[in-house]
Protein backbone atom coordinates (compact mmCIF):
# COMPACT_ATOMS: atom_id res chain seq x y z
CA MET A 1 61.27 -12.34 54.57
CA ARG A 2 58.97 -11.13 51.86
CA MET A 3 55.35 -12.24 52.16
CA ASN A 4 53.82 -13.72 49.04
CA ARG A 5 50.75 -11.68 48.05
CA LYS A 6 48.87 -14.86 47.20
CA GLN A 7 49.22 -16.05 50.80
CA ILE A 8 47.21 -13.10 52.12
CA LYS A 9 43.60 -14.14 52.52
CA LEU A 10 40.87 -11.84 53.78
CA PRO A 11 38.27 -13.31 56.18
CA ILE A 12 35.53 -12.00 53.87
CA SER A 13 35.28 -11.64 50.11
CA ALA A 14 36.35 -8.44 48.39
CA ASN A 15 32.76 -7.91 47.22
CA SER A 16 31.45 -8.17 50.80
CA LEU A 17 34.09 -5.71 51.97
CA ILE A 18 33.03 -3.24 49.28
CA LEU A 19 29.37 -3.59 50.32
CA ILE A 20 30.26 -2.90 53.95
CA ILE A 21 32.21 0.21 52.94
CA VAL A 22 29.33 1.44 50.74
CA MET A 23 26.88 0.83 53.60
CA MET A 24 29.07 2.89 55.92
CA ILE A 25 29.20 5.71 53.37
CA ILE A 26 25.43 5.89 52.86
CA THR A 27 24.94 5.69 56.63
CA VAL A 28 27.16 8.74 57.08
CA ILE A 29 25.36 10.61 54.28
CA PHE A 30 21.82 9.86 55.48
CA THR A 31 22.75 10.53 59.12
CA ALA A 32 24.21 13.91 58.16
CA ILE A 33 20.86 14.81 56.59
CA ASN A 34 18.65 13.14 59.22
CA LYS A 35 20.24 12.25 62.55
CA ASN A 36 17.47 9.73 63.28
CA PHE A 37 18.85 7.42 60.59
CA PHE A 38 21.71 6.19 62.78
CA THR A 39 19.65 4.92 65.72
CA GLY A 40 18.88 1.52 67.16
CA ALA A 41 15.18 1.96 66.46
CA ASN A 42 15.81 2.70 62.79
CA PHE A 43 18.19 -0.24 62.51
CA VAL A 44 15.40 -2.53 63.76
CA ASN A 45 13.00 -0.89 61.30
CA ILE A 46 15.45 -1.58 58.47
CA LEU A 47 15.64 -5.24 59.54
CA ILE A 48 11.84 -5.47 59.64
CA ALA A 49 11.44 -3.91 56.20
CA SER A 50 14.24 -6.07 54.77
CA VAL A 51 12.30 -9.29 55.44
CA GLN A 52 10.34 -8.98 52.19
CA ILE A 53 13.44 -8.35 50.07
CA GLY A 54 15.45 -10.90 52.03
CA LEU A 55 13.06 -13.81 51.64
CA THR A 56 12.51 -13.11 47.96
CA SER A 57 16.25 -12.80 47.38
CA ILE A 58 16.85 -16.36 48.61
CA GLY A 59 14.84 -17.85 45.77
CA ILE A 60 16.09 -15.23 43.31
CA THR A 61 19.70 -16.07 44.20
CA PHE A 62 19.28 -19.77 43.45
CA LEU A 63 17.46 -18.95 40.22
CA MET A 64 19.94 -16.33 39.00
CA MET A 65 22.81 -18.71 39.63
CA THR A 66 21.30 -21.10 37.09
CA GLY A 67 21.19 -18.23 34.59
CA GLY A 68 17.47 -17.55 35.06
CA THR A 69 15.42 -14.61 36.29
CA ASP A 70 11.86 -14.02 37.47
CA LEU A 71 9.82 -10.86 36.91
CA SER A 72 6.62 -12.42 38.28
CA ALA A 73 7.68 -12.74 41.93
CA GLY A 74 5.98 -9.49 42.97
CA ALA A 75 2.70 -10.41 41.30
CA VAL A 76 2.75 -13.90 42.86
CA ALA A 77 3.46 -12.39 46.28
CA ALA A 78 0.53 -9.98 45.93
CA ALA A 79 -1.90 -12.65 44.67
CA CYS A 80 -1.02 -15.07 47.48
CA SER A 81 -1.30 -12.43 50.21
CA VAL A 82 -4.67 -11.29 48.85
CA PHE A 83 -5.82 -14.92 48.75
CA VAL A 84 -4.98 -15.35 52.44
CA ALA A 85 -6.84 -12.16 53.37
CA TRP A 86 -9.84 -13.19 51.26
CA GLY A 87 -9.83 -16.67 52.79
CA LEU A 88 -9.83 -15.29 56.33
CA LEU A 89 -12.90 -13.23 55.47
CA ASN A 90 -14.85 -15.88 53.58
CA THR A 91 -13.83 -19.47 54.33
CA GLY A 92 -13.52 -19.90 58.09
CA LEU A 93 -10.17 -21.67 57.65
CA SER A 94 -7.31 -20.86 60.00
CA TRP A 95 -4.54 -18.55 58.86
CA VAL A 96 -2.04 -21.40 59.03
CA VAL A 97 -4.06 -23.55 56.60
CA LEU A 98 -4.64 -20.62 54.26
CA CYS A 99 -0.93 -19.77 54.27
CA LEU A 100 -0.06 -23.36 53.35
CA ILE A 101 -2.60 -23.28 50.50
CA ALA A 102 -1.16 -19.96 49.32
CA LEU A 103 2.34 -21.45 49.27
CA LEU A 104 1.02 -24.35 47.18
CA ILE A 105 -0.49 -21.83 44.76
CA ALA A 106 2.89 -20.10 44.61
CA ALA A 107 4.60 -23.42 43.94
CA PHE A 108 2.20 -23.96 41.04
CA ALA A 109 3.06 -20.49 39.69
CA GLY A 110 6.75 -21.33 39.88
CA LEU A 111 6.14 -24.66 38.19
CA LEU A 112 4.44 -22.89 35.28
CA ASN A 113 7.40 -20.55 34.96
CA GLY A 114 9.83 -23.44 35.01
CA LEU A 115 7.91 -25.39 32.39
CA MET A 116 7.64 -22.38 30.09
CA VAL A 117 11.41 -21.87 30.29
CA THR A 118 12.60 -25.49 30.16
CA LYS A 119 9.94 -27.16 28.00
CA LEU A 120 8.61 -24.37 25.79
CA LYS A 121 12.12 -22.87 25.58
CA LEU A 122 10.87 -19.35 26.24
CA VAL A 123 13.38 -16.74 27.33
CA PRO A 124 13.03 -16.33 31.14
CA PHE A 125 12.33 -12.61 30.75
CA ILE A 126 9.37 -13.28 28.42
CA ALA A 127 8.03 -16.31 30.30
CA THR A 128 7.96 -14.55 33.66
CA LEU A 129 6.59 -11.35 32.12
CA VAL A 130 3.62 -13.41 30.90
CA SER A 131 3.29 -14.91 34.37
CA GLN A 132 3.50 -11.47 35.96
CA SER A 133 0.48 -10.29 33.98
CA LEU A 134 -1.43 -13.49 34.80
CA TRP A 135 -0.92 -13.37 38.58
CA LYS A 136 -1.41 -9.63 38.78
CA GLY A 137 -4.83 -10.18 37.22
CA VAL A 138 -5.59 -13.03 39.62
CA GLY A 139 -4.76 -10.83 42.59
CA PHE A 140 -7.09 -8.06 41.45
CA LEU A 141 -9.87 -10.53 40.61
CA ILE A 142 -9.78 -12.10 44.08
CA CYS A 143 -10.48 -8.80 45.83
CA ASN A 144 -12.06 -6.77 43.02
CA GLY A 145 -9.09 -4.44 43.14
CA LYS A 146 -9.75 -3.35 46.74
CA PRO A 147 -7.50 -3.76 49.80
CA LEU A 148 -8.66 -6.40 52.27
CA VAL A 149 -8.33 -6.15 56.05
CA LEU A 150 -7.11 -9.27 57.84
CA SER A 151 -10.04 -10.50 59.94
CA ASP A 152 -7.92 -12.98 61.93
CA LYS A 153 -5.41 -11.52 64.38
CA GLY A 154 -3.26 -14.67 64.49
CA LEU A 155 -1.25 -13.88 61.37
CA SER A 156 -0.76 -10.26 62.40
CA ALA A 157 0.36 -11.35 65.86
CA PHE A 158 2.93 -13.74 64.39
CA CYS A 159 4.31 -11.04 62.12
CA LYS A 160 4.36 -8.31 64.78
CA ASN A 161 5.29 -10.11 68.02
CA ARG A 162 8.88 -9.59 69.11
CA LEU A 163 11.67 -11.40 70.90
CA LEU A 164 14.32 -9.12 72.44
CA GLY A 165 12.79 -6.21 70.57
CA VAL A 166 13.03 -7.87 67.15
CA PRO A 167 10.02 -9.44 65.33
CA TYR A 168 9.89 -13.20 64.87
CA THR A 169 9.90 -12.72 61.11
CA VAL A 170 13.40 -11.20 61.19
CA TYR A 171 14.69 -14.29 63.01
CA LEU A 172 12.88 -16.45 60.46
CA MET A 173 14.62 -14.61 57.62
CA PHE A 174 18.09 -15.14 59.08
CA VAL A 175 17.40 -18.81 59.89
CA LEU A 176 16.39 -19.36 56.27
CA PHE A 177 19.48 -17.48 55.09
CA ILE A 178 21.65 -19.87 57.13
CA ILE A 179 19.83 -23.01 55.96
CA PHE A 180 19.83 -22.13 52.28
CA GLY A 181 23.32 -20.68 52.46
CA TYR A 182 24.47 -24.08 53.67
CA ILE A 183 22.46 -25.85 50.95
CA LEU A 184 24.01 -23.68 48.25
CA ALA A 185 27.58 -23.97 49.51
CA LYS A 186 27.79 -27.50 50.91
CA THR A 187 25.30 -29.83 49.22
CA LYS A 188 25.10 -31.70 45.94
CA PHE A 189 22.09 -29.60 44.96
CA GLY A 190 24.10 -26.41 45.49
CA ARG A 191 27.05 -27.72 43.51
CA SER A 192 24.68 -28.63 40.70
CA ILE A 193 23.40 -25.04 40.61
CA PHE A 194 26.95 -23.72 40.32
CA ALA A 195 27.63 -26.22 37.53
CA ILE A 196 24.49 -25.35 35.55
CA GLY A 197 25.17 -21.63 35.78
CA GLY A 198 28.83 -22.06 34.92
CA ASN A 199 28.35 -24.33 31.91
CA ALA A 200 24.95 -25.89 31.28
CA GLU A 201 26.21 -28.26 28.59
CA ALA A 202 29.08 -29.52 30.74
CA ALA A 203 26.64 -30.02 33.61
CA ARG A 204 24.36 -32.07 31.35
CA LEU A 205 27.27 -34.23 30.22
CA ALA A 206 28.16 -34.76 33.88
CA GLY A 207 24.72 -36.27 34.46
CA ILE A 208 23.07 -33.28 36.14
CA ASN A 209 19.35 -32.96 35.43
CA SER A 210 19.37 -29.24 34.67
CA THR A 211 15.68 -29.18 33.68
CA LYS A 212 14.57 -30.53 37.05
CA ILE A 213 16.85 -28.19 38.99
CA LYS A 214 15.81 -25.10 37.02
CA ILE A 215 12.13 -25.89 37.57
CA LEU A 216 12.78 -26.36 41.29
CA CYS A 217 14.53 -22.99 41.43
CA TYR A 218 11.53 -21.29 39.82
CA VAL A 219 9.26 -22.99 42.36
CA MET A 220 11.52 -21.82 45.20
CA THR A 221 11.47 -18.25 43.92
CA SER A 222 7.67 -18.11 43.83
CA VAL A 223 7.29 -19.76 47.25
CA PHE A 224 9.73 -17.40 48.93
CA ALA A 225 8.05 -14.41 47.25
CA ALA A 226 4.66 -15.62 48.52
CA MET A 227 6.07 -15.92 52.04
CA ALA A 228 7.32 -12.35 51.76
CA GLY A 229 3.93 -11.11 50.57
CA ILE A 230 2.03 -12.90 53.33
CA ILE A 231 4.37 -11.54 56.01
CA LEU A 232 3.93 -8.00 54.67
CA ALA A 233 0.14 -8.45 54.82
CA GLY A 234 0.43 -9.69 58.40
CA ARG A 235 2.65 -6.78 59.39
CA MET A 236 0.26 -4.24 57.84
CA SER A 237 -2.90 -6.14 58.96
CA SER A 238 -4.22 -5.79 55.41
CA SER A 239 -3.48 -6.93 51.89
CA ASN A 240 -3.41 -4.84 48.75
CA PRO A 241 -3.26 -6.35 45.22
CA ALA A 242 -0.93 -3.52 44.21
CA SER A 243 1.53 -4.22 47.02
CA ASN A 244 4.79 -6.11 46.47
CA ALA A 245 4.87 -4.82 42.88
CA ASN A 246 8.61 -4.15 42.97
CA ILE A 247 9.73 -6.85 45.37
CA HIS A 248 11.48 -8.82 42.63
CA PHE A 249 13.19 -5.65 41.43
CA ASP A 250 14.73 -5.00 44.86
CA ALA A 251 15.57 -8.68 45.34
CA ILE A 252 17.40 -8.87 42.00
CA THR A 253 19.28 -5.67 42.86
CA ALA A 254 20.26 -7.08 46.27
CA ALA A 255 21.41 -10.39 44.80
CA ASN A 256 23.36 -8.65 42.06
CA LEU A 257 25.02 -6.29 44.53
CA GLY A 258 25.80 -9.37 46.62
CA GLY A 259 27.89 -10.77 43.79
CA VAL A 260 25.37 -13.08 42.13
CA SER A 261 26.12 -12.99 38.41
CA MET A 262 23.27 -12.34 36.00
CA VAL A 263 24.74 -14.99 33.70
CA GLY A 264 24.86 -17.59 36.46
CA GLY A 265 27.45 -19.73 38.18
CA VAL A 266 28.71 -17.19 40.72
CA GLY A 267 27.32 -16.06 44.09
CA SER A 268 26.90 -16.75 47.79
CA ILE A 269 24.16 -16.20 50.35
CA PRO A 270 26.30 -14.29 52.93
CA SER A 271 27.11 -11.60 50.37
CA VAL A 272 23.45 -11.46 49.33
CA VAL A 273 22.51 -10.75 52.97
CA LEU A 274 24.73 -7.66 52.82
CA GLY A 275 23.12 -6.73 49.50
CA VAL A 276 19.66 -6.98 51.07
CA LEU A 277 20.63 -4.77 54.01
CA LEU A 278 22.26 -2.25 51.67
CA VAL A 279 19.20 -2.01 49.41
CA GLN A 280 16.80 -1.63 52.34
CA ALA A 281 19.04 0.90 54.10
CA PHE A 282 19.13 2.85 50.84
CA ASN A 283 15.34 2.70 50.47
CA SER A 284 14.74 3.65 54.11
CA GLY A 285 17.23 6.49 53.90
CA LEU A 286 15.47 7.96 50.88
CA ASN A 287 12.18 7.88 52.80
CA MET A 288 13.68 9.47 55.90
CA ILE A 289 15.21 12.40 54.03
CA GLY A 290 11.93 13.11 52.26
CA VAL A 291 12.69 12.03 48.70
CA SER A 292 9.46 11.74 46.70
CA GLN A 293 8.25 8.31 45.65
CA TYR A 294 8.82 9.10 41.98
CA TRP A 295 12.44 10.07 42.53
CA GLN A 296 12.87 6.94 44.64
CA TYR A 297 12.00 4.87 41.57
CA VAL A 298 14.68 6.76 39.66
CA ALA A 299 17.22 6.19 42.45
CA ARG A 300 16.44 2.47 42.59
CA GLY A 301 16.87 2.25 38.85
CA VAL A 302 20.26 3.93 39.11
CA LEU A 303 21.24 1.50 41.89
CA LEU A 304 20.26 -1.50 39.76
CA PHE A 305 22.07 -0.06 36.75
CA GLY A 306 25.17 0.38 38.88
CA SER A 307 24.98 -3.20 40.14
CA LEU A 308 24.60 -4.50 36.58
CA ALA A 309 27.59 -2.46 35.43
CA ILE A 310 29.66 -3.87 38.29
CA ASP A 311 28.49 -7.38 37.40
CA TYR A 312 29.55 -6.84 33.79
CA TYR A 313 33.06 -5.80 34.78
CA ARG A 314 33.29 -8.69 37.24
CA GLN A 315 32.36 -11.06 34.43
CA VAL A 316 34.97 -9.53 32.12
CA ALA A 317 37.61 -9.87 34.86
CA ARG A 318 36.67 -13.54 35.42
CA GLU A 319 36.96 -14.27 31.71
CA LYS A 320 40.39 -12.61 31.59
CA ARG A 321 41.57 -14.69 34.54
CA LEU A 322 40.32 -17.89 32.92
CA LEU A 323 42.05 -16.97 29.67
CA ALA A 324 45.29 -16.20 31.50
CA ASP A 325 45.11 -19.51 33.38
CA SER A 326 44.50 -21.43 30.16
CA MET A 327 47.47 -19.72 28.49
CA LYS A 328 49.73 -20.85 31.32
CA HIS A 329 49.02 -24.48 30.48
CA LEU A 330 49.83 -24.14 26.79
């Protein structure tokens, strides 16, 4: 009996399978150059370093699936982390209260981005580029351009303490991946995001408030980026206004590698998780084999270019399938 090819269904998506294969290949390459790459300790280090990209990628994923993008996430992350460090030195407030205030500031930053895109009709690239300059300036103004040491050990303890050898923040990242993966895949809000990214006009005619949802996605992106920046400050016990500068770059690369389309409407959180781990493994591997920082920027650019090229061909393939399906019904 011949098996119908359409009946064969892989337990994971083809894109996820490709990411796993690529991760295995780079692991072999980096291990061949530096045997310390393929160790349990380095795997934990990759997980720790991936928290910043991972948290930012959650918000970026939701936003990209609506057809948007955000170049200000790194600047917002830096400004919020510097604010927390400054507050610990000057206000007497607890780190928990200061973190909550910082997340509110981030939400305001996201709200501004959303309003510029949905109300002023600015292109997301331009709107968030303006916001990037604004929040980068705010971060430098707060600390006069100088790194600040965290005076309260509570935040550092939370970011460094471990359970079973793994920091709490790694568990937090995966819990949030699970929660927001469920929201994206199983809730009305998630279905609305798919609809807006797939066809904004059809979504509007179906009664979906695309303006509200897009604004909320910009708010989410800024809040998650701020969380990432604060956690990095806690892990390093200091905050630098120049830190997190490329966090949005790596998050966009991870989401794109994870199958999130730059034009919206396609993507899933599980594949993005693999994209995050791949990007961080790539970054860590470059560090471990002694590649200079300048060449690392080049390598990251090549990686993003490759992910965009793959996304383009995926989009072309989807359009061909849709055209073929429509022709069948003629």
